[in-house]
Amino acid sequence: GAAGVLPGVAATLAEDFGIAGERLLLSLWAA
């Protein structure tokens, strides 16, 4: 029921801010 929040944020980090690779994956580990 909450499966939209983190995907929406991750996609925005990737597409709007250019966050990719290890940096993006570590953001998920922080979550």
PDB file of all heavy atoms in Angstrom:
ATOM      1  N   GLY A   1       0.793  -1.213   0.000  1.00  0.00           N
ATOM      2  CA  GLY A   1       0.000   0.000   0.000  1.00  0.00           C
ATOM      3  C   GLY A   1       0.826   1.262   0.000  1.00  0.00           C
ATOM      4  O   GLY A   1       0.304   2.356  -0.243  1.00  0.00           O
ATOM      5  N   ALA A   2       2.126   1.142   0.276  1.00  0.00           N
ATOM      6  CA  ALA A   2       3.049   2.278   0.263  1.00  0.00           C
ATOM      7  C   ALA A   2       4.089   2.127  -0.849  1.00  0.00           C
ATOM      8  O   ALA A   2       5.123   2.801  -0.826  1.00  0.00           O
ATOM      9  CB  ALA A   2       3.753   2.388   1.614  1.00  0.00           C
ATOM     10  N   ALA A   3       3.798   1.273  -1.823  1.00  0.00           N
ATOM     11  CA  ALA A   3       4.800   0.912  -2.827  1.00  0.00           C
ATOM     12  C   ALA A   3       4.982   1.958  -3.910  1.00  0.00           C
ATOM     13  O   ALA A   3       5.654   1.695  -4.907  1.00  0.00           O
ATOM     14  CB  ALA A   3       4.445  -0.431  -3.461  1.00  0.00           C
ATOM     15  N   GLY A   4       4.403   3.156  -3.725  1.00  0.00           N
ATOM     16  CA  GLY A   4       4.620   4.234  -4.674  1.00  0.00           C
ATOM     17  C   GLY A   4       5.657   5.233  -4.222  1.00  0.00           C
ATOM     18  O   GLY A   4       6.358   5.832  -5.044  1.00  0.00           O
ATOM     19  N   VAL A   5       5.787   5.442  -2.911  1.00  0.00           N
ATOM     20  CA  VAL A   5       6.593   6.551  -2.393  1.00  0.00           C
ATOM     21  C   VAL A   5       8.057   6.437  -2.806  1.00  0.00           C
ATOM     22  O   VAL A   5       8.608   7.337  -3.463  1.00  0.00           O
ATOM     23  CB  VAL A   5       6.477   6.642  -0.865  1.00  0.00           C
ATOM     24  CG1 VAL A   5       7.343   7.792  -0.336  1.00  0.00           C
ATOM     25  CG2 VAL A   5       5.029   6.850  -0.448  1.00  0.00           C
ATOM     26  N   LEU A   6       8.722   5.352  -2.403  1.00  0.00           N
ATOM     27  CA  LEU A   6      10.154   5.225  -2.677  1.00  0.00           C
ATOM     28  C   LEU A   6      10.449   5.121  -4.176  1.00  0.00           C
ATOM     29  O   LEU A   6      11.407   5.740  -4.653  1.00  0.00           O
ATOM     30  CB  LEU A   6      10.739   4.034  -1.910  1.00  0.00           C
ATOM     31  CG  LEU A   6      12.269   4.001  -1.784  1.00  0.00           C
ATOM     32  CD1 LEU A   6      12.814   5.275  -1.167  1.00  0.00           C
ATOM     33  CD2 LEU A   6      12.703   2.787  -0.957  1.00  0.00           C
ATOM     34  N   PRO A   7       9.652   4.376  -4.975  1.00  0.00           N
ATOM     35  CA  PRO A   7       9.893   4.401  -6.423  1.00  0.00           C
ATOM     36  C   PRO A   7       9.758   5.801  -7.022  1.00  0.00           C
ATOM     37  O   PRO A   7      10.562   6.197  -7.883  1.00  0.00           O
ATOM     38  CB  PRO A   7       8.804   3.461  -6.970  1.00  0.00           C
ATOM     39  CG  PRO A   7       8.555   2.511  -5.862  1.00  0.00           C
ATOM     40  CD  PRO A   7       8.665   3.340  -4.617  1.00  0.00           C
ATOM     41  N   GLY A   8       8.751   6.570  -6.584  1.00  0.00           N
ATOM     42  CA  GLY A   8       8.595   7.918  -7.100  1.00  0.00           C
ATOM     43  C   GLY A   8       9.774   8.806  -6.766  1.00  0.00           C
ATOM     44  O   GLY A   8      10.243   9.595  -7.594  1.00  0.00           O
ATOM     45  N   VAL A   9      10.278   8.674  -5.546  1.00  0.00           N
ATOM     46  CA  VAL A   9      11.434   9.464  -5.124  1.00  0.00           C
ATOM     47  C   VAL A   9      12.694   9.001  -5.843  1.00  0.00           C
ATOM     48  O   VAL A   9      13.494   9.823  -6.317  1.00  0.00           O
ATOM     49  CB  VAL A   9      11.589   9.381  -3.595  1.00  0.00           C
ATOM     50  CG1 VAL A   9      12.947   9.924  -3.149  1.00  0.00           C
ATOM     51  CG2 VAL A   9      10.456  10.144  -2.914  1.00  0.00           C
ATOM     52  N   ALA A  10      12.889   7.683  -5.947  1.00  0.00           N
ATOM     53  CA  ALA A  10      14.085   7.166  -6.625  1.00  0.00           C
ATOM     54  C   ALA A  10      14.110   7.593  -8.093  1.00  0.00           C
ATOM     55  O   ALA A  10      15.162   7.981  -8.629  1.00  0.00           O
ATOM     56  CB  ALA A  10      14.134   5.643  -6.510  1.00  0.00           C
ATOM     57  N   ALA A  11      12.958   7.519  -8.764  1.00  0.00           N
ATOM     58  CA  ALA A  11      12.897   7.926 -10.164  1.00  0.00           C
ATOM     59  C   ALA A  11      13.196   9.412 -10.311  1.00  0.00           C
ATOM     60  O   ALA A  11      13.855   9.838 -11.269  1.00  0.00           O
ATOM     61  CB  ALA A  11      11.519   7.605 -10.741  1.00  0.00           C
ATOM     62  N   THR A  12      12.761  10.220  -9.364  1.00  0.00           N
ATOM     63  CA  THR A  12      13.019  11.652  -9.416  1.00  0.00           C
ATOM     64  C   THR A  12      14.489  11.952  -9.161  1.00  0.00           C
ATOM     65  O   THR A  12      15.089  12.812  -9.831  1.00  0.00           O
ATOM     66  CB  THR A  12      12.119  12.383  -8.395  1.00  0.00           C
ATOM     67  OG1 THR A  12      10.749  12.090  -8.705  1.00  0.00           O
ATOM     68  CG2 THR A  12      12.336  13.883  -8.442  1.00  0.00           C
ATOM     69  N   LEU A  13      15.090  11.248  -8.204  1.00  0.00           N
ATOM     70  CA  LEU A  13      16.535  11.410  -7.987  1.00  0.00           C
ATOM     71  C   LEU A  13      17.316  11.068  -9.249  1.00  0.00           C
ATOM     72  O   LEU A  13      18.280  11.763  -9.608  1.00  0.00           O
ATOM     73  CB  LEU A  13      16.988  10.519  -6.826  1.00  0.00           C
ATOM     74  CG  LEU A  13      16.514  10.917  -5.427  1.00  0.00           C
ATOM     75  CD1 LEU A  13      16.898   9.841  -4.418  1.00  0.00           C
ATOM     76  CD2 LEU A  13      17.116  12.263  -5.017  1.00  0.00           C
ATOM     77  N   ALA A  14      16.895  10.004  -9.934  1.00  0.00           N
ATOM     78  CA  ALA A  14      17.620   9.559 -11.125  1.00  0.00           C
ATOM     79  C   ALA A  14      17.386  10.502 -12.308  1.00  0.00           C
ATOM     80  O   ALA A  14      18.339  10.925 -12.974  1.00  0.00           O
ATOM     81  CB  ALA A  14      17.189   8.136 -11.491  1.00  0.00           C
ATOM     82  N   GLU A  15      16.141  10.832 -12.574  1.00  0.00           N
ATOM     83  CA  GLU A  15      15.804  11.546 -13.809  1.00  0.00           C
ATOM     84  C   GLU A  15      15.908  13.055 -13.682  1.00  0.00           C
ATOM     85  O   GLU A  15      16.231  13.740 -14.660  1.00  0.00           O
ATOM     86  CB  GLU A  15      14.403  11.140 -14.260  1.00  0.00           C
ATOM     87  CG  GLU A  15      14.312   9.648 -14.615  1.00  0.00           C
ATOM     88  CD  GLU A  15      12.916   9.217 -15.009  1.00  0.00           C
ATOM     89  OE1 GLU A  15      12.125  10.076 -15.463  1.00  0.00           O
ATOM     90  OE2 GLU A  15      12.607   8.019 -14.872  1.00  0.00           O
ATOM     91  N   ASP A  16      15.641  13.608 -12.506  1.00  0.00           N
ATOM     92  CA  ASP A  16      15.696  15.056 -12.348  1.00  0.00           C
ATOM     93  C   ASP A  16      17.039  15.544 -11.809  1.00  0.00           C
ATOM     94  O   ASP A  16      17.425  16.686 -12.079  1.00  0.00           O
ATOM     95  CB  ASP A  16      14.589  15.526 -11.399  1.00  0.00           C
ATOM     96  CG  ASP A  16      13.207  15.399 -11.998  1.00  0.00           C
ATOM     97  OD1 ASP A  16      13.014  14.512 -12.842  1.00  0.00           O
ATOM     98  OD2 ASP A  16      12.310  16.171 -11.621  1.00  0.00           O
ATOM     99  N   PHE A  17      17.714  14.687 -11.053  1.00  0.00           N
ATOM    100  CA  PHE A  17      18.967  15.120 -10.416  1.00  0.00           C
ATOM    101  C   PHE A  17      20.186  14.350 -10.905  1.00  0.00           C
ATOM    102  O   PHE A  17      21.299  14.613 -10.454  1.00  0.00           O
ATOM    103  CB  PHE A  17      18.842  14.991  -8.900  1.00  0.00           C
ATOM    104  CG  PHE A  17      17.811  15.897  -8.296  1.00  0.00           C
ATOM    105  CD1 PHE A  17      16.516  15.459  -8.080  1.00  0.00           C
ATOM    106  CD2 PHE A  17      18.125  17.208  -7.968  1.00  0.00           C
ATOM    107  CE1 PHE A  17      15.549  16.288  -7.540  1.00  0.00           C
ATOM    108  CE2 PHE A  17      17.170  18.055  -7.425  1.00  0.00           C
ATOM    109  CZ  PHE A  17      15.875  17.603  -7.213  1.00  0.00           C
ATOM    110  N   GLY A  18      19.989  13.381 -11.783  1.00  0.00           N
ATOM    111  CA  GLY A  18      21.124  12.652 -12.348  1.00  0.00           C
ATOM    112  C   GLY A  18      21.824  11.733 -11.374  1.00  0.00           C
ATOM    113  O   GLY A  18      22.980  11.354 -11.600  1.00  0.00           O
ATOM    114  N   ILE A  19      21.161  11.350 -10.286  1.00  0.00           N
ATOM    115  CA  ILE A  19      21.757  10.416  -9.321  1.00  0.00           C
ATOM    116  C   ILE A  19      21.709   9.015  -9.923  1.00  0.00           C
ATOM    117  O   ILE A  19      20.661   8.567 -10.382  1.00  0.00           O
ATOM    118  CB  ILE A  19      20.999  10.446  -7.986  1.00  0.00           C
ATOM    119  CG1 ILE A  19      20.842  11.874  -7.466  1.00  0.00           C
ATOM    120  CG2 ILE A  19      21.686   9.551  -6.963  1.00  0.00           C
ATOM    121  CD1 ILE A  19      22.125  12.573  -7.149  1.00  0.00           C
ATOM    122  N   ALA A  20      22.825   8.312  -9.920  1.00  0.00           N
ATOM    123  CA  ALA A  20      22.880   7.003 -10.584  1.00  0.00           C
ATOM    124  C   ALA A  20      23.882   6.103  -9.875  1.00  0.00           C
ATOM    125  O   ALA A  20      24.593   6.513  -8.957  1.00  0.00           O
ATOM    126  CB  ALA A  20      23.262   7.174 -12.055  1.00  0.00           C
ATOM    127  N   GLY A  21      23.918   4.843 -10.323  1.00  0.00           N
ATOM    128  CA  GLY A  21      24.927   3.890  -9.871  1.00  0.00           C
ATOM    129  C   GLY A  21      24.920   3.683  -8.370  1.00  0.00           C
ATOM    130  O   GLY A  21      23.866   3.622  -7.723  1.00  0.00           O
ATOM    131  N   GLU A  22      26.123   3.583  -7.802  1.00  0.00           N
ATOM    132  CA  GLU A  22      26.271   3.293  -6.375  1.00  0.00           C
ATOM    133  C   GLU A  22      25.587   4.349  -5.517  1.00  0.00           C
ATOM    134  O   GLU A  22      24.970   4.027  -4.482  1.00  0.00           O
ATOM    135  CB  GLU A  22      27.759   3.215  -6.024  1.00  0.00           C
ATOM    136  CG  GLU A  22      28.029   2.926  -4.560  1.00  0.00           C
ATOM    137  CD  GLU A  22      29.509   2.845  -4.242  1.00  0.00           C
ATOM    138  OE1 GLU A  22      30.105   1.783  -4.505  1.00  0.00           O
ATOM    139  OE2 GLU A  22      30.051   3.852  -3.745  1.00  0.00           O
ATOM    140  N   ARG A  23      25.651   5.589  -5.958  1.00  0.00           N
ATOM    141  CA  ARG A  23      25.053   6.673  -5.163  1.00  0.00           C
ATOM    142  C   ARG A  23      23.536   6.490  -5.036  1.00  0.00           C
ATOM    143  O   ARG A  23      22.975   6.699  -3.956  1.00  0.00           O
ATOM    144  CB  ARG A  23      25.377   8.016  -5.824  1.00  0.00           C
ATOM    145  CG  ARG A  23      25.013   9.239  -5.013  1.00  0.00           C
ATOM    146  CD  ARG A  23      25.492  10.472  -5.734  1.00  0.00           C
ATOM    147  NE  ARG A  23      24.944  11.694  -5.172  1.00  0.00           N
ATOM    148  CZ  ARG A  23      24.984  12.870  -5.777  1.00  0.00           C
ATOM    149  NH1 ARG A  23      25.580  12.983  -6.965  1.00  0.00           N
ATOM    150  NH2 ARG A  23      24.464  13.934  -5.207  1.00  0.00           N
ATOM    151  N   LEU A  24      22.888   6.094  -6.101  1.00  0.00           N
ATOM    152  CA  LEU A  24      21.446   5.880  -6.048  1.00  0.00           C
ATOM    153  C   LEU A  24      21.112   4.643  -5.212  1.00  0.00           C
ATOM    154  O   LEU A  24      20.159   4.648  -4.427  1.00  0.00           O
ATOM    155  CB  LEU A  24      20.885   5.740  -7.466  1.00  0.00           C
ATOM    156  CG  LEU A  24      19.363   5.596  -7.588  1.00  0.00           C
ATOM    157  CD1 LEU A  24      18.646   6.772  -6.938  1.00  0.00           C
ATOM    158  CD2 LEU A  24      18.949   5.471  -9.048  1.00  0.00           C
ATOM    159  N   LEU A  25      21.900   3.578  -5.376  1.00  0.00           N
ATOM    160  CA  LEU A  25      21.646   2.366  -4.586  1.00  0.00           C
ATOM    161  C   LEU A  25      21.863   2.616  -3.104  1.00  0.00           C
ATOM    162  O   LEU A  25      21.102   2.123  -2.259  1.00  0.00           O
ATOM    163  CB  LEU A  25      22.539   1.228  -5.073  1.00  0.00           C
ATOM    164  CG  LEU A  25      22.235   0.693  -6.473  1.00  0.00           C
ATOM    165  CD1 LEU A  25      23.229  -0.401  -6.849  1.00  0.00           C
ATOM    166  CD2 LEU A  25      20.810   0.171  -6.567  1.00  0.00           C
ATOM    167  N   LEU A  26      22.885   3.396  -2.749  1.00  0.00           N
ATOM    168  CA  LEU A  26      23.111   3.698  -1.335  1.00  0.00           C
ATOM    169  C   LEU A  26      21.978   4.538  -0.756  1.00  0.00           C
ATOM    170  O   LEU A  26      21.683   4.452   0.441  1.00  0.00           O
ATOM    171  CB  LEU A  26      24.451   4.413  -1.149  1.00  0.00           C
ATOM    172  CG  LEU A  26      25.687   3.515  -1.250  1.00  0.00           C
ATOM    173  CD1 LEU A  26      26.965   4.341  -1.187  1.00  0.00           C
ATOM    174  CD2 LEU A  26      25.693   2.453  -0.137  1.00  0.00           C
ATOM    175  N   SER A  27      21.327   5.339  -1.599  1.00  0.00           N
ATOM    176  CA  SER A  27      20.168   6.079  -1.091  1.00  0.00           C
ATOM    177  C   SER A  27      19.055   5.109  -0.694  1.00  0.00           C
ATOM    178  O   SER A  27      18.336   5.346   0.285  1.00  0.00           O
ATOM    179  CB  SER A  27      19.679   7.094  -2.132  1.00  0.00           C
ATOM    180  OG  SER A  27      18.994   6.468  -3.196  1.00  0.00           O
ATOM    181  N   LEU A  28      18.906   4.000  -1.440  1.00  0.00           N
ATOM    182  CA  LEU A  28      17.910   2.991  -1.057  1.00  0.00           C
ATOM    183  C   LEU A  28      18.327   2.273   0.226  1.00  0.00           C
ATOM    184  O   LEU A  28      17.481   1.935   1.064  1.00  0.00           O
ATOM    185  CB  LEU A  28      17.713   1.984  -2.185  1.00  0.00           C
ATOM    186  CG  LEU A  28      17.119   2.533  -3.490  1.00  0.00           C
ATOM    187  CD1 LEU A  28      16.867   1.387  -4.465  1.00  0.00           C
ATOM    188  CD2 LEU A  28      15.829   3.296  -3.231  1.00  0.00           C
ATOM    189  N   TRP A  29      19.610   2.018   0.385  1.00  0.00           N
ATOM    190  CA  TRP A  29      20.069   1.410   1.642  1.00  0.00           C
ATOM    191  C   TRP A  29      19.829   2.354   2.820  1.00  0.00           C
ATOM    192  O   TRP A  29      19.499   1.903   3.935  1.00  0.00           O
ATOM    193  CB  TRP A  29      21.552   1.019   1.549  1.00  0.00           C
ATOM    194  CG  TRP A  29      21.778  -0.209   0.741  1.00  0.00           C
ATOM    195  CD1 TRP A  29      22.313  -0.290  -0.511  1.00  0.00           C
ATOM    196  CD2 TRP A  29      21.439  -1.552   1.115  1.00  0.00           C
ATOM    197  NE1 TRP A  29      22.333  -1.594  -0.941  1.00  0.00           N
ATOM    198  CE2 TRP A  29      21.814  -2.393   0.027  1.00  0.00           C
ATOM    199  CE3 TRP A  29      20.869  -2.124   2.240  1.00  0.00           C
ATOM    200  CZ2 TRP A  29      21.622  -3.774   0.064  1.00  0.00           C
ATOM    201  CZ3 TRP A  29      20.680  -3.502   2.281  1.00  0.00           C
ATOM    202  CH2 TRP A  29      21.058  -4.310   1.194  1.00  0.00           C
ATOM    203  N   ALA A  30      19.982   3.676   2.591  1.00  0.00           N
ATOM    204  CA  ALA A  30      19.673   4.642   3.654  1.00  0.00           C
ATOM    205  C   ALA A  30      18.195   4.562   4.013  1.00  0.00           C
ATOM    206  O   ALA A  30      17.813   4.584   5.193  1.00  0.00           O
ATOM    207  CB  ALA A  30      20.050   6.050   3.211  1.00  0.00           C
ATOM    208  N   ALA A  31      17.339   4.473   2.994  1.00  0.00           N
ATOM    209  CA  ALA A  31      15.912   4.282   3.248  1.00  0.00           C
ATOM    210  C   ALA A  31      15.683   3.005   4.046  1.00  0.00           C
ATOM    211  O   ALA A  31      14.872   2.965   4.980  1.00  0.00           O
ATOM    212  CB  ALA A  31      15.149   4.222   1.921  1.00  0.00           C
TER     213      ALA A  31
END
